[in-house]
Structure formats: structure tokens, C-alpha cells
Amino acid sequence: MNWSLIWITIKNSINGLIARIPAIITALVIFVIFFFIARGIRFTVEQITQRYRKGRNLALALGRLTQGSIILLGLFIALVILFPAFTVGDLISLLGISSVAIGFAFRDILQNYLAGILLLLSTSFDIGDQIVVNNFEGTVENIEVRATTIMTYDGRRVVIPNAVLYTQSVTVNTAYDKRRVQYDFSVDYNTNLEQARQLMLEATQNAQGVMKEPAPDAYVIDVTPNGITIRVRWWITPPLYIDKLDTQDNVLVAIKRAFVANGIQLPTPSQEIILEHADRISSMNRQQDQQRG
């Protein structure tokens, strides 16, 4: 092994690296400057858009696109300083933006990024809206580049990829200024249904938080072995989850009080127990005892 040749190679590499330190520092400083410029311009774009167009989602989308473009420009300039022969084609190859990369390594990243931009532009839901997607329900905290974060009602954070939100059904509970709530009551077979429905409607109308218009309604929807099911429905505003819970509590308490005051009985679940097999065993045991006696 030629140690002298290896030493010469290492020494030349170190000397070349030392000689390029000014270029490295310059490129790093330029990239940092562009990074902070991009953040400042993003903040400015968001403020201007919100002020004149009153579109928070549009402000976020334009701000992020502007920031990404400026950072990409800063990266290109820094690479040109480090490698004078560097071209735009080299940058595209470096970032992996090619047909192969899109098809494989960067497919999910680009899909989620584009889906996030489209979500912001489509205004399907805003930050602060309460949504339901798959088995998750909560308040939208932020729509980021890769994913959207929601806070569930029990205080947990759920990170959902933007592609999932863009390609699957999403229920926006706060899309409109009011929301309908319903609850099913079961009453005994001997109950006067007209009286029961009237009591339920009066109790619901007088419950705190229930809208007067549209007015509540009640319908018989099912007859089961355990009783007759009456569904009562009412509207609330604002359509938040906590308001749904509050009004539901008020309505159920009011209906229960009305039923008790007017002698309306709720059905008692019954269960039939067949002891035929046990009686047969007891009879056989008595016969055996008689034979022994």
C-alpha cells in the first residue's frame, strides 16, 4: 500500500476544503438571509390577504407558496456559489423532482403537499372548524404542508395527512350557523302517545339553548319488544360540540321531569329465563333418591 500517495490525496482534499471555506460560509449566509426574507414575506402576504380579502385559508396558501419559492431560490443561489457549474437542471435532479422520484420516493410527500394547498384554496373548512373524518372528531388547529392537526374533544392531538382529507368524506359540523340534534326516547306500550309527544315538545321548547325557529318536532319511529320509540329533534346555534352537549342535557332533564310529573312510565327491560332443563334434572335426582330409599 502506497501510504505516501494516500497522504497526498488526503492533504489535497483538506487543502481544497479549506480553500472553499469562504464560499461555504458565503453560501450559508445567503441561504439564511433568504430563509428569513421568505418568512418575512410570508407574514406580510398573509397580513395583506387577510386585511383586504378576508380569506384566512387563502392567506396561508399564498404565504406558504411564496415562502417555498423564495427558499428554493436561495438554495439555488447558495449551490451556484459552492459549485459554479451548477444549473437549474442539477437542482431539479437534486430535489428528486423527476418522473421516477414522483412515482416512488416523493409521491406521498408531493401528494400531501398539493392536497394541503388545495384544501386551503377550496375553503372546505377553516382553522377553528369542528370536523369529523374517519373515526376522529375535533377542532382544526392548523393546516400544515404535510398534514392537518385537529384537537379532539378529550384534549388529544390527531395528525391527519392532507391527502386523506382531500380524497375522503369530511363532515364539517360548524359549516353553517345552526345544527339539528336528536335523541330517541322509549315509552311503555300503555302510554298515550299524543300526550307523550306533546310533553316532549313543550319540555324541549322551554329548554335552555334550544332555538325557537325552526321549532322542535317529535315522531314515533319504532315499536320494539321493550316499548315504543319516539325521536325528538331540535336546533341549536352556534353548532359547537359543547353546545350540543349542554342543550341535550337540558332537554333530557326537562323531558324526564315532564314524564314523572304526568305519570308516564319508561319501559322496564324484561328478560325471560327458561328453567326447563334445570327442572328436569331436579326431577331425575328426586327419582333416584326415591329408588335408593
Foldseek 3Di string as FASTA:
>chain_A
DPVVVVVVVVVVVVVVVVVCVVLLVVLVVLLVVLLVVLQVVLVVQLVVCCVPVVQNLVSNLVSVVSSVVSSLVSNQVSVCSSPVVDDPVNVCVVVQVDPVCCVPVCVLLVLLQVLLSVCSVVCPDDQQWWKDADPATAGWHDRDRFWTWGAGPVGDIDTGGSNSVNPDDMGTQQPDFKDKDKDKAFFAPPDDVVVLQVQLQVQLCPFPFFDPPVGKGKDFDDQDPQGTIIMIMTMGGRRDPVSNVRSVVRSVVSSVVSCVVVVTGGGDDDDDDDCPVVVVVVVVVVVVVVVVD
